[in-house]
Amino acid sequence: MDIMEYIRVFIVGGLICLIAQILMDTTKLMPARILVIYVALGTILTGLKIYQPIVDFAGAGATVPLLGFGYSLGKGVMRAVDQHGFLGIFTGGLSATAGGIGAAIVFGYIAALLFNPKAKQ
């Protein structure tokens, strides 16, 4: 890997996060709504074939943030529809992201066992 690739990943990933931070600071949108917007936007941009060039340019800078989760869902659905037809709409997203979802459940459970959360007052 050359240094320019690292710079592209850092800049694109940073811009994605910067936009989310600006939305949180300047609007009344809650973080969960921004999360949903990002995932939906990643899926829509993938379906329109707009997000793939960004992924090709930025690599992990575009696939690691929440837009990248939407990208994975969209790519999985598109692949499953090509293979299985209409049924792929329902199965493709889950099969493409099963590893990430499974890891989130396992690590969330481990964190819940290790830490004692306190209620906000």
PDB file of N, CA and C in Angstrom:
ATOM      1  N   MET A   1       0.844  -1.185   0.000  1.00  0.00           N
ATOM      2  CA  MET A   1       0.000   0.000   0.000  1.00  0.00           C
ATOM      3  C   MET A   1       0.886   1.243   0.000  1.00  0.00           C
ATOM      4  N   ASP A   2       0.469   2.186  -0.757  1.00  0.00           N
ATOM      5  CA  ASP A   2       1.251   3.411  -0.742  1.00  0.00           C
ATOM      6  C   ASP A   2       0.578   4.447   0.166  1.00  0.00           C
ATOM      7  N   ILE A   3       1.310   5.456   0.525  1.00  0.00           N
ATOM      8  CA  ILE A   3       0.848   6.452   1.490  1.00  0.00           C
ATOM      9  C   ILE A   3      -0.390   7.193   1.006  1.00  0.00           C
ATOM     10  N   MET A   4      -0.527   7.377  -0.312  1.00  0.00           N
ATOM     11  CA  MET A   4      -1.695   8.087  -0.849  1.00  0.00           C
ATOM     12  C   MET A   4      -2.990   7.330  -0.593  1.00  0.00           C
ATOM     13  N   GLU A   5      -2.912   6.010  -0.582  1.00  0.00           N
ATOM     14  CA  GLU A   5      -4.113   5.222  -0.281  1.00  0.00           C
ATOM     15  C   GLU A   5      -4.569   5.463   1.152  1.00  0.00           C
ATOM     16  N   TYR A   6      -3.635   5.506   2.079  1.00  0.00           N
ATOM     17  CA  TYR A   6      -3.967   5.802   3.469  1.00  0.00           C
ATOM     18  C   TYR A   6      -4.586   7.193   3.603  1.00  0.00           C
ATOM     19  N   ILE A   7      -4.054   8.133   2.856  1.00  0.00           N
ATOM     20  CA  ILE A   7      -4.566   9.508   2.914  1.00  0.00           C
ATOM     21  C   ILE A   7      -5.992   9.561   2.366  1.00  0.00           C
ATOM     22  N   ARG A   8      -6.241   8.878   1.243  1.00  0.00           N
ATOM     23  CA  ARG A   8      -7.600   8.848   0.679  1.00  0.00           C
ATOM     24  C   ARG A   8      -8.588   8.216   1.658  1.00  0.00           C
ATOM     25  N   VAL A   9      -8.203   7.100   2.277  1.00  0.00           N
ATOM     26  CA  VAL A   9      -9.070   6.426   3.247  1.00  0.00           C
ATOM     27  C   VAL A   9      -9.376   7.365   4.410  1.00  0.00           C
ATOM     28  N   PHE A  10      -8.356   8.024   4.924  1.00  0.00           N
ATOM     29  CA  PHE A  10      -8.528   8.922   6.065  1.00  0.00           C
ATOM     30  C   PHE A  10      -9.426  10.108   5.715  1.00  0.00           C
ATOM     31  N   ILE A  11      -9.211  10.703   4.553  1.00  0.00           N
ATOM     32  CA  ILE A  11      -9.979  11.890   4.173  1.00  0.00           C
ATOM     33  C   ILE A  11     -11.446  11.538   3.934  1.00  0.00           C
ATOM     34  N   VAL A  12     -11.722  10.489   3.177  1.00  0.00           N
ATOM     35  CA  VAL A  12     -13.115  10.134   2.885  1.00  0.00           C
ATOM     36  C   VAL A  12     -13.843   9.675   4.143  1.00  0.00           C
ATOM     37  N   GLY A  13     -13.218   8.802   4.918  1.00  0.00           N
ATOM     38  CA  GLY A  13     -13.837   8.368   6.175  1.00  0.00           C
ATOM     39  C   GLY A  13     -14.053   9.529   7.124  1.00  0.00           C
ATOM     40  N   GLY A  14     -13.076  10.432   7.188  1.00  0.00           N
ATOM     41  CA  GLY A  14     -13.208  11.612   8.037  1.00  0.00           C
ATOM     42  C   GLY A  14     -14.318  12.536   7.580  1.00  0.00           C
ATOM     43  N   LEU A  15     -14.473  12.706   6.270  1.00  0.00           N
ATOM     44  CA  LEU A  15     -15.554  13.550   5.754  1.00  0.00           C
ATOM     45  C   LEU A  15     -16.930  12.965   6.068  1.00  0.00           C
ATOM     46  N   ILE A  16     -17.053  11.653   5.956  1.00  0.00           N
ATOM     47  CA  ILE A  16     -18.322  11.006   6.295  1.00  0.00           C
ATOM     48  C   ILE A  16     -18.657  11.253   7.760  1.00  0.00           C
ATOM     49  N   CYS A  17     -17.680  11.089   8.622  1.00  0.00           N
ATOM     50  CA  CYS A  17     -17.901  11.325  10.058  1.00  0.00           C
ATOM     51  C   CYS A  17     -18.124  12.802  10.356  1.00  0.00           C
ATOM     52  N   LEU A  18     -17.424  13.676   9.643  1.00  0.00           N
ATOM     53  CA  LEU A  18     -17.590  15.115   9.827  1.00  0.00           C
ATOM     54  C   LEU A  18     -19.014  15.551   9.489  1.00  0.00           C
ATOM     55  N   ILE A  19     -19.556  15.029   8.406  1.00  0.00           N
ATOM     56  CA  ILE A  19     -20.932  15.371   8.022  1.00  0.00           C
ATOM     57  C   ILE A  19     -21.912  14.931   9.114  1.00  0.00           C
ATOM     58  N   ALA A  20     -21.714  13.737   9.662  1.00  0.00           N
ATOM     59  CA  ALA A  20     -22.585  13.267  10.745  1.00  0.00           C
ATOM     60  C   ALA A  20     -22.466  14.172  11.965  1.00  0.00           C
ATOM     61  N   GLN A  21     -21.256  14.581  12.300  1.00  0.00           N
ATOM     62  CA  GLN A  21     -21.052  15.459  13.462  1.00  0.00           C
ATOM     63  C   GLN A  21     -21.709  16.816  13.238  1.00  0.00           C
ATOM     64  N   ILE A  22     -21.596  17.345  12.029  1.00  0.00           N
ATOM     65  CA  ILE A  22     -22.247  18.629  11.716  1.00  0.00           C
ATOM     66  C   ILE A  22     -23.757  18.489  11.829  1.00  0.00           C
ATOM     67  N   LEU A  23     -24.300  17.376  11.343  1.00  0.00           N
ATOM     68  CA  LEU A  23     -25.740  17.151  11.470  1.00  0.00           C
ATOM     69  C   LEU A  23     -26.173  17.094  12.929  1.00  0.00           C
ATOM     70  N   MET A  24     -25.381  16.441  13.771  1.00  0.00           N
ATOM     71  CA  MET A  24     -25.724  16.363  15.199  1.00  0.00           C
ATOM     72  C   MET A  24     -25.638  17.721  15.875  1.00  0.00           C
ATOM     73  N   ASP A  25     -24.649  18.537  15.477  1.00  0.00           N
ATOM     74  CA  ASP A  25     -24.435  19.828  16.125  1.00  0.00           C
ATOM     75  C   ASP A  25     -25.384  20.922  15.640  1.00  0.00           C
ATOM     76  N   THR A  26     -25.826  20.849  14.403  1.00  0.00           N
ATOM     77  CA  THR A  26     -26.589  21.962  13.834  1.00  0.00           C
ATOM     78  C   THR A  26     -28.067  21.658  13.613  1.00  0.00           C
ATOM     79  N   THR A  27     -28.481  20.422  13.796  1.00  0.00           N
ATOM     80  CA  THR A  27     -29.900  20.087  13.635  1.00  0.00           C
ATOM     81  C   THR A  27     -30.409  19.452  14.917  1.00  0.00           C
ATOM     82  N   LYS A  28     -31.687  19.192  14.945  1.00  0.00           N
ATOM     83  CA  LYS A  28     -32.270  18.521  16.104  1.00  0.00           C
ATOM     84  C   LYS A  28     -32.346  17.010  15.894  1.00  0.00           C
ATOM     85  N   LEU A  29     -31.647  16.518  14.859  1.00  0.00           N
ATOM     86  CA  LEU A  29     -31.637  15.078  14.608  1.00  0.00           C
ATOM     87  C   LEU A  29     -30.868  14.361  15.707  1.00  0.00           C
ATOM     88  N   MET A  30     -31.448  13.300  16.206  1.00  0.00           N
ATOM     89  CA  MET A  30     -30.784  12.475  17.211  1.00  0.00           C
ATOM     90  C   MET A  30     -29.807  11.535  16.497  1.00  0.00           C
ATOM     91  N   PRO A  31     -28.769  11.087  17.197  1.00  0.00           N
ATOM     92  CA  PRO A  31     -27.788  10.193  16.560  1.00  0.00           C
ATOM     93  C   PRO A  31     -28.405   8.950  15.918  1.00  0.00           C
ATOM     94  N   ALA A  32     -29.444   8.390  16.528  1.00  0.00           N
ATOM     95  CA  ALA A  32     -30.071   7.194  15.944  1.00  0.00           C
ATOM     96  C   ALA A  32     -30.704   7.504  14.597  1.00  0.00           C
ATOM     97  N   ARG A  33     -31.264   8.690  14.445  1.00  0.00           N
ATOM     98  CA  ARG A  33     -31.861   9.064  13.156  1.00  0.00           C
ATOM     99  C   ARG A  33     -30.771   9.258  12.102  1.00  0.00           C
ATOM    100  N   ILE A  34     -29.660   9.829  12.499  1.00  0.00           N
ATOM    101  CA  ILE A  34     -28.547  10.001  11.568  1.00  0.00           C
ATOM    102  C   ILE A  34     -28.011   8.636  11.152  1.00  0.00           C
ATOM    103  N   LEU A  35     -27.942   7.705  12.091  1.00  0.00           N
ATOM    104  CA  LEU A  35     -27.521   6.336  11.791  1.00  0.00           C
ATOM    105  C   LEU A  35     -28.427   5.737  10.723  1.00  0.00           C
ATOM    106  N   VAL A  36     -29.733   5.861  10.896  1.00  0.00           N
ATOM    107  CA  VAL A  36     -30.683   5.305   9.942  1.00  0.00           C
ATOM    108  C   VAL A  36     -30.548   6.003   8.585  1.00  0.00           C
ATOM    109  N   ILE A  37     -30.379   7.316   8.597  1.00  0.00           N
ATOM    110  CA  ILE A  37     -30.200   8.063   7.349  1.00  0.00           C
ATOM    111  C   ILE A  37     -28.954   7.574   6.618  1.00  0.00           C
ATOM    112  N   TYR A  38     -27.864   7.391   7.341  1.00  0.00           N
ATOM    113  CA  TYR A  38     -26.616   6.944   6.713  1.00  0.00           C
ATOM    114  C   TYR A  38     -26.752   5.549   6.117  1.00  0.00           C
ATOM    115  N   VAL A  39     -27.348   4.624   6.851  1.00  0.00           N
ATOM    116  CA  VAL A  39     -27.496   3.261   6.338  1.00  0.00           C
ATOM    117  C   VAL A  39     -28.419   3.262   5.114  1.00  0.00           C
ATOM    118  N   ALA A  40     -29.528   3.987   5.201  1.00  0.00           N
ATOM    119  CA  ALA A  40     -30.448   4.057   4.063  1.00  0.00           C
ATOM    120  C   ALA A  40     -29.780   4.729   2.867  1.00  0.00           C
ATOM    121  N   LEU A  41     -29.036   5.790   3.115  1.00  0.00           N
ATOM    122  CA  LEU A  41     -28.351   6.490   2.031  1.00  0.00           C
ATOM    123  C   LEU A  41     -27.307   5.596   1.366  1.00  0.00           C
ATOM    124  N   GLY A  42     -26.570   4.829   2.166  1.00  0.00           N
ATOM    125  CA  GLY A  42     -25.592   3.890   1.598  1.00  0.00           C
ATOM    126  C   GLY A  42     -26.258   2.846   0.719  1.00  0.00           C
ATOM    127  N   THR A  43     -27.429   2.363   1.142  1.00  0.00           N
ATOM    128  CA  THR A  43     -28.158   1.372   0.358  1.00  0.00           C
ATOM    129  C   THR A  43     -28.676   1.987  -0.940  1.00  0.00           C
ATOM    130  N   ILE A  44     -29.244   3.184  -0.841  1.00  0.00           N
ATOM    131  CA  ILE A  44     -29.785   3.854  -2.024  1.00  0.00           C
ATOM    132  C   ILE A  44     -28.678   4.181  -3.022  1.00  0.00           C
ATOM    133  N   LEU A  45     -27.568   4.727  -2.526  1.00  0.00           N
ATOM    134  CA  LEU A  45     -26.456   5.071  -3.418  1.00  0.00           C
ATOM    135  C   LEU A  45     -25.861   3.830  -4.081  1.00  0.00           C
ATOM    136  N   THR A  46     -25.873   2.702  -3.369  1.00  0.00           N
ATOM    137  CA  THR A  46     -25.394   1.450  -3.959  1.00  0.00           C
ATOM    138  C   THR A  46     -26.345   0.985  -5.046  1.00  0.00           C
ATOM    139  N   GLY A  47     -27.633   1.050  -4.777  1.00  0.00           N
ATOM    140  CA  GLY A  47     -28.620   0.653  -5.775  1.00  0.00           C
ATOM    141  C   GLY A  47     -28.552   1.499  -7.034  1.00  0.00           C
ATOM    142  N   LEU A  48     -28.212   2.767  -6.875  1.00  0.00           N
ATOM    143  CA  LEU A  48     -28.080   3.667  -8.022  1.00  0.00           C
ATOM    144  C   LEU A  48     -26.695   3.598  -8.669  1.00  0.00           C
ATOM    145  N   LYS A  49     -25.843   2.727  -8.131  1.00  0.00           N
ATOM    146  CA  LYS A  49     -24.469   2.526  -8.618  1.00  0.00           C
ATOM    147  C   LYS A  49     -23.602   3.785  -8.496  1.00  0.00           C
ATOM    148  N   ILE A  50     -23.902   4.592  -7.494  1.00  0.00           N
ATOM    149  CA  ILE A  50     -23.127   5.806  -7.232  1.00  0.00           C
ATOM    150  C   ILE A  50     -22.038   5.543  -6.190  1.00  0.00           C
ATOM    151  N   TYR A  51     -22.307   4.630  -5.260  1.00  0.00           N
ATOM    152  CA  TYR A  51     -21.379   4.435  -4.138  1.00  0.00           C
ATOM    153  C   TYR A  51     -20.166   3.576  -4.505  1.00  0.00           C
ATOM    154  N   GLN A  52     -20.285   2.705  -5.510  1.00  0.00           N
ATOM    155  CA  GLN A  52     -19.171   1.831  -5.881  1.00  0.00           C
ATOM    156  C   GLN A  52     -17.916   2.605  -6.277  1.00  0.00           C
ATOM    157  N   PRO A  53     -18.016   3.686  -7.073  1.00  0.00           N
ATOM    158  CA  PRO A  53     -16.800   4.453  -7.376  1.00  0.00           C
ATOM    159  C   PRO A  53     -16.160   5.073  -6.129  1.00  0.00           C
ATOM    160  N   ILE A  54     -16.977   5.439  -5.149  1.00  0.00           N
ATOM    161  CA  ILE A  54     -16.438   5.985  -3.900  1.00  0.00           C
ATOM    162  C   ILE A  54     -15.680   4.897  -3.154  1.00  0.00           C
ATOM    163  N   VAL A  55     -16.235   3.688  -3.123  1.00  0.00           N
ATOM    164  CA  VAL A  55     -15.562   2.556  -2.478  1.00  0.00           C
ATOM    165  C   VAL A  55     -14.264   2.224  -3.206  1.00  0.00           C
ATOM    166  N   ASP A  56     -14.297   2.248  -4.528  1.00  0.00           N
ATOM    167  CA  ASP A  56     -13.086   1.972  -5.303  1.00  0.00           C
ATOM    168  C   ASP A  56     -12.003   3.007  -5.014  1.00  0.00           C
ATOM    169  N   PHE A  57     -12.392   4.248  -4.802  1.00  0.00           N
ATOM    170  CA  PHE A  57     -11.436   5.325  -4.531  1.00  0.00           C
ATOM    171  C   PHE A  57     -10.938   5.294  -3.094  1.00  0.00           C
ATOM    172  N   ALA A  58     -11.837   5.093  -2.132  1.00  0.00           N
ATOM    173  CA  ALA A  58     -11.485   5.275  -0.723  1.00  0.00           C
ATOM    174  C   ALA A  58     -11.348   3.987   0.068  1.00  0.00           C
ATOM    175  N   GLY A  59     -11.718   2.856  -0.465  1.00  0.00           N
ATOM    176  CA  GLY A  59     -11.571   1.594   0.251  1.00  0.00           C
ATOM    177  C   GLY A  59     -12.278   1.596   1.592  1.00  0.00           C
ATOM    178  N   ALA A  60     -11.527   1.281   2.651  1.00  0.00           N
ATOM    179  CA  ALA A  60     -12.102   1.181   3.988  1.00  0.00           C
ATOM    180  C   ALA A  60     -12.659   2.511   4.486  1.00  0.00           C
ATOM    181  N   GLY A  61     -12.199   3.620   3.952  1.00  0.00           N
ATOM    182  CA  GLY A  61     -12.748   4.912   4.342  1.00  0.00           C
ATOM    183  C   GLY A  61     -14.206   5.051   3.959  1.00  0.00           C
ATOM    184  N   ALA A  62     -14.647   4.274   2.972  1.00  0.00           N
ATOM    185  CA  ALA A  62     -16.040   4.309   2.538  1.00  0.00           C
ATOM    186  C   ALA A  62     -16.831   3.095   3.006  1.00  0.00           C
ATOM    187  N   THR A  63     -16.162   1.989   3.332  1.00  0.00           N
ATOM    188  CA  THR A  63     -16.897   0.781   3.707  1.00  0.00           C
ATOM    189  C   THR A  63     -17.027   0.576   5.203  1.00  0.00           C
ATOM    190  N   VAL A  64     -16.204   1.213   6.007  1.00  0.00           N
ATOM    191  CA  VAL A  64     -16.268   1.016   7.450  1.00  0.00           C
ATOM    192  C   VAL A  64     -17.361   1.855   8.121  1.00  0.00           C
ATOM    193  N   PRO A  65     -17.552   3.129   7.762  1.00  0.00           N
ATOM    194  CA  PRO A  65     -18.627   3.896   8.406  1.00  0.00           C
ATOM    195  C   PRO A  65     -20.008   3.331   8.071  1.00  0.00           C
ATOM    196  N   LEU A  66     -21.031   3.916   8.626  1.00  0.00           N
ATOM    197  CA  LEU A  66     -22.391   3.409   8.452  1.00  0.00           C
ATOM    198  C   LEU A  66     -22.855   3.383   7.007  1.00  0.00           C
ATOM    199  N   LEU A  67     -22.378   4.294   6.195  1.00  0.00           N
ATOM    200  CA  LEU A  67     -22.705   4.226   4.771  1.00  0.00           C
ATOM    201  C   LEU A  67     -22.235   2.902   4.192  1.00  0.00           C
ATOM    202  N   GLY A  68     -21.128   2.397   4.695  1.00  0.00           N
ATOM    203  CA  GLY A  68     -20.596   1.123   4.232  1.00  0.00           C
ATOM    204  C   GLY A  68     -21.481  -0.047   4.603  1.00  0.00           C
ATOM    205  N   PHE A  69     -22.179   0.033   5.731  1.00  0.00           N
ATOM    206  CA  PHE A  69     -23.123  -1.028   6.096  1.00  0.00           C
ATOM    207  C   PHE A  69     -24.283  -1.035   5.106  1.00  0.00           C
ATOM    208  N   GLY A  70     -24.766   0.143   4.753  1.00  0.00           N
ATOM    209  CA  GLY A  70     -25.806   0.234   3.735  1.00  0.00           C
ATOM    210  C   GLY A  70     -25.315  -0.289   2.392  1.00  0.00           C
ATOM    211  N   TYR A  71     -24.056   0.011   2.076  1.00  0.00           N
ATOM    212  CA  TYR A  71     -23.428  -0.499   0.850  1.00  0.00           C
ATOM    213  C   TYR A  71     -23.424  -2.022   0.864  1.00  0.00           C
ATOM    214  N   SER A  72     -23.050  -2.631   1.986  1.00  0.00           N
ATOM    215  CA  SER A  72     -23.030  -4.092   2.091  1.00  0.00           C
ATOM    216  C   SER A  72     -24.428  -4.678   1.935  1.00  0.00           C
ATOM    217  N   LEU A  73     -25.417  -4.037   2.550  1.00  0.00           N
ATOM    218  CA  LEU A  73     -26.794  -4.504   2.403  1.00  0.00           C
ATOM    219  C   LEU A  73     -27.226  -4.444   0.936  1.00  0.00           C
ATOM    220  N   GLY A  74     -26.973  -3.312   0.306  1.00  0.00           N
ATOM    221  CA  GLY A  74     -27.365  -3.133  -1.091  1.00  0.00           C
ATOM    222  C   GLY A  74     -26.680  -4.120  -2.021  1.00  0.00           C
ATOM    223  N   LYS A  75     -25.367  -4.309  -1.847  1.00  0.00           N
ATOM    224  CA  LYS A  75     -24.629  -5.259  -2.692  1.00  0.00           C
ATOM    225  C   LYS A  75     -25.153  -6.683  -2.477  1.00  0.00           C
ATOM    226  N   GLY A  76     -25.454  -7.030  -1.233  1.00  0.00           N
ATOM    227  CA  GLY A  76     -25.983  -8.366  -0.944  1.00  0.00           C
ATOM    228  C   GLY A  76     -27.332  -8.592  -1.604  1.00  0.00           C
ATOM    229  N   VAL A  77     -28.189  -7.596  -1.544  1.00  0.00           N
ATOM    230  CA  VAL A  77     -29.506  -7.724  -2.175  1.00  0.00           C
ATOM    231  C   VAL A  77     -29.361  -7.837  -3.686  1.00  0.00           C
ATOM    232  N   MET A  78     -28.516  -6.998  -4.274  1.00  0.00           N
ATOM    233  CA  MET A  78     -28.334  -7.049  -5.725  1.00  0.00           C
ATOM    234  C   MET A  78     -27.790  -8.418  -6.169  1.00  0.00           C
ATOM    235  N   ARG A  79     -26.838  -8.956  -5.425  1.00  0.00           N
ATOM    236  CA  ARG A  79     -26.257 -10.261  -5.749  1.00  0.00           C
ATOM    237  C   ARG A  79     -27.308 -11.363  -5.606  1.00  0.00           C
ATOM    238  N   ALA A  80     -28.093 -11.312  -4.521  1.00  0.00           N
ATOM    239  CA  ALA A  80     -29.097 -12.349  -4.284  1.00  0.00           C
ATOM    240  C   ALA A  80     -30.227 -12.284  -5.307  1.00  0.00           C
ATOM    241  N   VAL A  81     -30.603 -11.084  -5.725  1.00  0.00           N
ATOM    242  CA  VAL A  81     -31.638 -10.958  -6.754  1.00  0.00           C
ATOM    243  C   VAL A  81     -31.152 -11.551  -8.069  1.00  0.00           C
ATOM    244  N   ASP A  82     -29.878 -11.330  -8.394  1.00  0.00           N
ATOM    245  CA  ASP A  82     -29.320 -11.928  -9.613  1.00  0.00           C
ATOM    246  C   ASP A  82     -29.336 -13.450  -9.547  1.00  0.00           C
ATOM    247  N   GLN A  83     -29.104 -14.016  -8.352  1.00  0.00           N
ATOM    248  CA  GLN A  83     -29.024 -15.468  -8.209  1.00  0.00           C
ATOM    249  C   GLN A  83     -30.374 -16.131  -7.982  1.00  0.00           C
ATOM    250  N   HIS A  84     -31.238 -15.488  -7.154  1.00  0.00           N
ATOM    251  CA  HIS A  84     -32.465 -16.147  -6.708  1.00  0.00           C
ATOM    252  C   HIS A  84     -33.742 -15.436  -7.142  1.00  0.00           C
ATOM    253  N   GLY A  85     -33.624 -14.349  -7.845  1.00  0.00           N
ATOM    254  CA  GLY A  85     -34.813 -13.622  -8.286  1.00  0.00           C
ATOM    255  C   GLY A  85     -35.416 -12.791  -7.161  1.00  0.00           C
ATOM    256  N   PHE A  86     -36.728 -12.678  -7.177  1.00  0.00           N
ATOM    257  CA  PHE A  86     -37.449 -11.812  -6.249  1.00  0.00           C
ATOM    258  C   PHE A  86     -37.162 -12.138  -4.781  1.00  0.00           C
ATOM    259  N   LEU A  87     -37.005 -13.413  -4.459  1.00  0.00           N
ATOM    260  CA  LEU A  87     -36.743 -13.825  -3.077  1.00  0.00           C
ATOM    261  C   LEU A  87     -35.442 -13.218  -2.542  1.00  0.00           C
ATOM    262  N   GLY A  88     -34.515 -12.906  -3.417  1.00  0.00           N
ATOM    263  CA  GLY A  88     -33.251 -12.314  -3.006  1.00  0.00           C
ATOM    264  C   GLY A  88     -33.404 -10.958  -2.339  1.00  0.00           C
ATOM    265  N   ILE A  89     -34.513 -10.271  -2.599  1.00  0.00           N
ATOM    266  CA  ILE A  89     -34.766  -8.989  -1.939  1.00  0.00           C
ATOM    267  C   ILE A  89     -34.815  -9.169  -0.431  1.00  0.00           C
ATOM    268  N   PHE A  90     -35.365 -10.290   0.007  1.00  0.00           N
ATOM    269  CA  PHE A  90     -35.547 -10.527   1.434  1.00  0.00           C
ATOM    270  C   PHE A  90     -34.352 -11.209   2.089  1.00  0.00           C
ATOM    271  N   THR A  91     -33.573 -11.954   1.324  1.00  0.00           N
ATOM    272  CA  THR A  91     -32.485 -12.733   1.917  1.00  0.00           C
ATOM    273  C   THR A  91     -31.103 -12.139   1.703  1.00  0.00           C
ATOM    274  N   GLY A  92     -30.920 -11.360   0.662  1.00  0.00           N
ATOM    275  CA  GLY A  92     -29.590 -10.897   0.275  1.00  0.00           C
ATOM    276  C   GLY A  92     -28.907 -10.009   1.297  1.00  0.00           C
ATOM    277  N   GLY A  93     -29.627  -9.051   1.853  1.00  0.00           N
ATOM    278  CA  GLY A  93     -29.028  -8.131   2.812  1.00  0.00           C
ATOM    279  C   GLY A  93     -28.560  -8.831   4.068  1.00  0.00           C
ATOM    280  N   LEU A  94     -29.373  -9.752   4.556  1.00  0.00           N
ATOM    281  CA  LEU A  94     -28.995 -10.468   5.784  1.00  0.00           C
ATOM    282  C   LEU A  94     -27.830 -11.405   5.560  1.00  0.00           C
ATOM    283  N   SER A  95     -27.809 -12.109   4.433  1.00  0.00           N
ATOM    284  CA  SER A  95     -26.694 -13.030   4.201  1.00  0.00           C
ATOM    285  C   SER A  95     -25.386 -12.267   3.975  1.00  0.00           C
ATOM    286  N   ALA A  96     -25.456 -11.078   3.381  1.00  0.00           N
ATOM    287  CA  ALA A  96     -24.241 -10.304   3.113  1.00  0.00           C
ATOM    288  C   ALA A  96     -23.675  -9.677   4.382  1.00  0.00           C
ATOM    289  N   THR A  97     -24.524  -9.398   5.356  1.00  0.00           N
ATOM    290  CA  THR A  97     -24.063  -8.699   6.563  1.00  0.00           C
ATOM    291  C   THR A  97     -24.120  -9.573   7.810  1.00  0.00           C
ATOM    292  N   ALA A  98     -24.354 -10.860   7.641  1.00  0.00           N
ATOM    293  CA  ALA A  98     -24.513 -11.751   8.792  1.00  0.00           C
ATOM    294  C   ALA A  98     -23.294 -11.753   9.704  1.00  0.00           C
ATOM    295  N   GLY A  99     -22.099 -11.707   9.139  1.00  0.00           N
ATOM    296  CA  GLY A  99     -20.886 -11.707   9.964  1.00  0.00           C
ATOM    297  C   GLY A  99     -20.812 -10.483  10.862  1.00  0.00           C
ATOM    298  N   GLY A 100     -21.084  -9.313  10.296  1.00  0.00           N
ATOM    299  CA  GLY A 100     -21.053  -8.079  11.088  1.00  0.00           C
ATOM    300  C   GLY A 100     -22.144  -8.033  12.140  1.00  0.00           C
ATOM    301  N   ILE A 101     -23.331  -8.479  11.767  1.00  0.00           N
ATOM    302  CA  ILE A 101     -24.438  -8.501  12.731  1.00  0.00           C
ATOM    303  C   ILE A 101     -24.136  -9.485  13.855  1.00  0.00           C
ATOM    304  N   GLY A 102     -23.631 -10.658  13.498  1.00  0.00           N
ATOM    305  CA  GLY A 102     -23.280 -11.653  14.512  1.00  0.00           C
ATOM    306  C   GLY A 102     -22.201 -11.147  15.455  1.00  0.00           C
ATOM    307  N   ALA A 103     -21.181 -10.498  14.914  1.00  0.00           N
ATOM    308  CA  ALA A 103     -20.111  -9.950  15.749  1.00  0.00           C
ATOM    309  C   ALA A 103     -20.651  -8.874  16.684  1.00  0.00           C
ATOM    310  N   ALA A 104     -21.546  -8.025  16.187  1.00  0.00           N
ATOM    311  CA  ALA A 104     -22.127  -6.980  17.028  1.00  0.00           C
ATOM    312  C   ALA A 104     -22.906  -7.585  18.190  1.00  0.00           C
ATOM    313  N   ILE A 105     -23.636  -8.651  17.932  1.00  0.00           N
ATOM    314  CA  ILE A 105     -24.404  -9.307  19.007  1.00  0.00           C
ATOM    315  C   ILE A 105     -23.466  -9.926  20.032  1.00  0.00           C
ATOM    316  N   VAL A 106     -22.454 -10.651  19.559  1.00  0.00           N
ATOM    317  CA  VAL A 106     -21.522 -11.317  20.488  1.00  0.00           C
ATOM    318  C   VAL A 106     -20.753 -10.297  21.326  1.00  0.00           C
ATOM    319  N   PHE A 107     -20.177  -9.282  20.672  1.00  0.00           N
ATOM    320  CA  PHE A 107     -19.397  -8.297  21.419  1.00  0.00           C
ATOM    321  C   PHE A 107     -20.274  -7.434  22.311  1.00  0.00           C
ATOM    322  N   GLY A 108     -21.509  -7.165  21.895  1.00  0.00           N
ATOM    323  CA  GLY A 108     -22.437  -6.437  22.756  1.00  0.00           C
ATOM    324  C   GLY A 108     -22.780  -7.240  24.005  1.00  0.00           C
ATOM    325  N   TYR A 109     -22.965  -8.541  23.843  1.00  0.00           N
ATOM    326  CA  TYR A 109     -23.260  -9.410  24.978  1.00  0.00           C
ATOM    327  C   TYR A 109     -22.066  -9.478  25.932  1.00  0.00           C
ATOM    328  N   ILE A 110     -20.873  -9.608  25.386  1.00  0.00           N
ATOM    329  CA  ILE A 110     -19.669  -9.643  26.226  1.00  0.00           C
ATOM    330  C   ILE A 110     -19.508  -8.335  26.986  1.00  0.00           C
ATOM    331  N   ALA A 111     -19.728  -7.212  26.319  1.00  0.00           N
ATOM    332  CA  ALA A 111     -19.632  -5.913  26.993  1.00  0.00           C
ATOM    333  C   ALA A 111     -20.666  -5.796  28.099  1.00  0.00           C
ATOM    334  N   ALA A 112     -21.879  -6.324  27.869  1.00  0.00           N
ATOM    335  CA  ALA A 112     -22.923  -6.271  28.896  1.00  0.00           C
ATOM    336  C   ALA A 112     -22.551  -7.113  30.106  1.00  0.00           C
ATOM    337  N   LEU A 113     -21.845  -8.214  29.872  1.00  0.00           N
ATOM    338  CA  LEU A 113     -21.415  -9.054  30.990  1.00  0.00           C
ATOM    339  C   LEU A 113     -20.269  -8.419  31.777  1.00  0.00           C
ATOM    340  N   LEU A 114     -19.373  -7.727  31.098  1.00  0.00           N
ATOM    341  CA  LEU A 114     -18.177  -7.189  31.740  1.00  0.00           C
ATOM    342  C   LEU A 114     -18.406  -5.867  32.463  1.00  0.00           C
ATOM    343  N   PHE A 115     -19.361  -5.070  31.992  1.00  0.00           N
ATOM    344  CA  PHE A 115     -19.538  -3.723  32.535  1.00  0.00           C
ATOM    345  C   PHE A 115     -20.905  -3.580  33.182  1.00  0.00           C
ATOM    346  N   ASN A 116     -20.945  -2.737  34.197  1.00  0.00           N
ATOM    347  CA  ASN A 116     -22.191  -2.499  34.922  1.00  0.00           C
ATOM    348  C   ASN A 116     -22.737  -1.124  34.519  1.00  0.00           C
ATOM    349  N   PRO A 117     -23.748  -1.098  33.630  1.00  0.00           N
ATOM    350  CA  PRO A 117     -24.245   0.208  33.203  1.00  0.00           C
ATOM    351  C   PRO A 117     -25.005   0.915  34.306  1.00  0.00           C
ATOM    352  N   LYS A 118     -24.954   2.227  34.275  1.00  0.00           N
ATOM    353  CA  LYS A 118     -25.670   3.036  35.251  1.00  0.00           C
ATOM    354  C   LYS A 118     -26.703   3.875  34.506  1.00  0.00           C
ATOM    355  N   ALA A 119     -27.851   4.053  35.124  1.00  0.00           N
ATOM    356  CA  ALA A 119     -28.919   4.830  34.497  1.00  0.00           C
ATOM    357  C   ALA A 119     -28.566   6.311  34.517  1.00  0.00           C
ATOM    358  N   LYS A 120     -28.937   7.015  33.439  1.00  0.00           N
ATOM    359  CA  LYS A 120     -28.727   8.457  33.400  1.00  0.00           C
ATOM    360  C   LYS A 120     -29.729   9.133  34.322  1.00  0.00           C
ATOM    361  N   GLN A 121     -29.286  10.219  34.939  1.00  0.00           N
ATOM    362  CA  GLN A 121     -30.202  10.940  35.837  1.00  0.00           C
ATOM    363  C   GLN A 121     -30.468  12.329  35.352  1.00  0.00           C
TER     364      GLN A 121
END
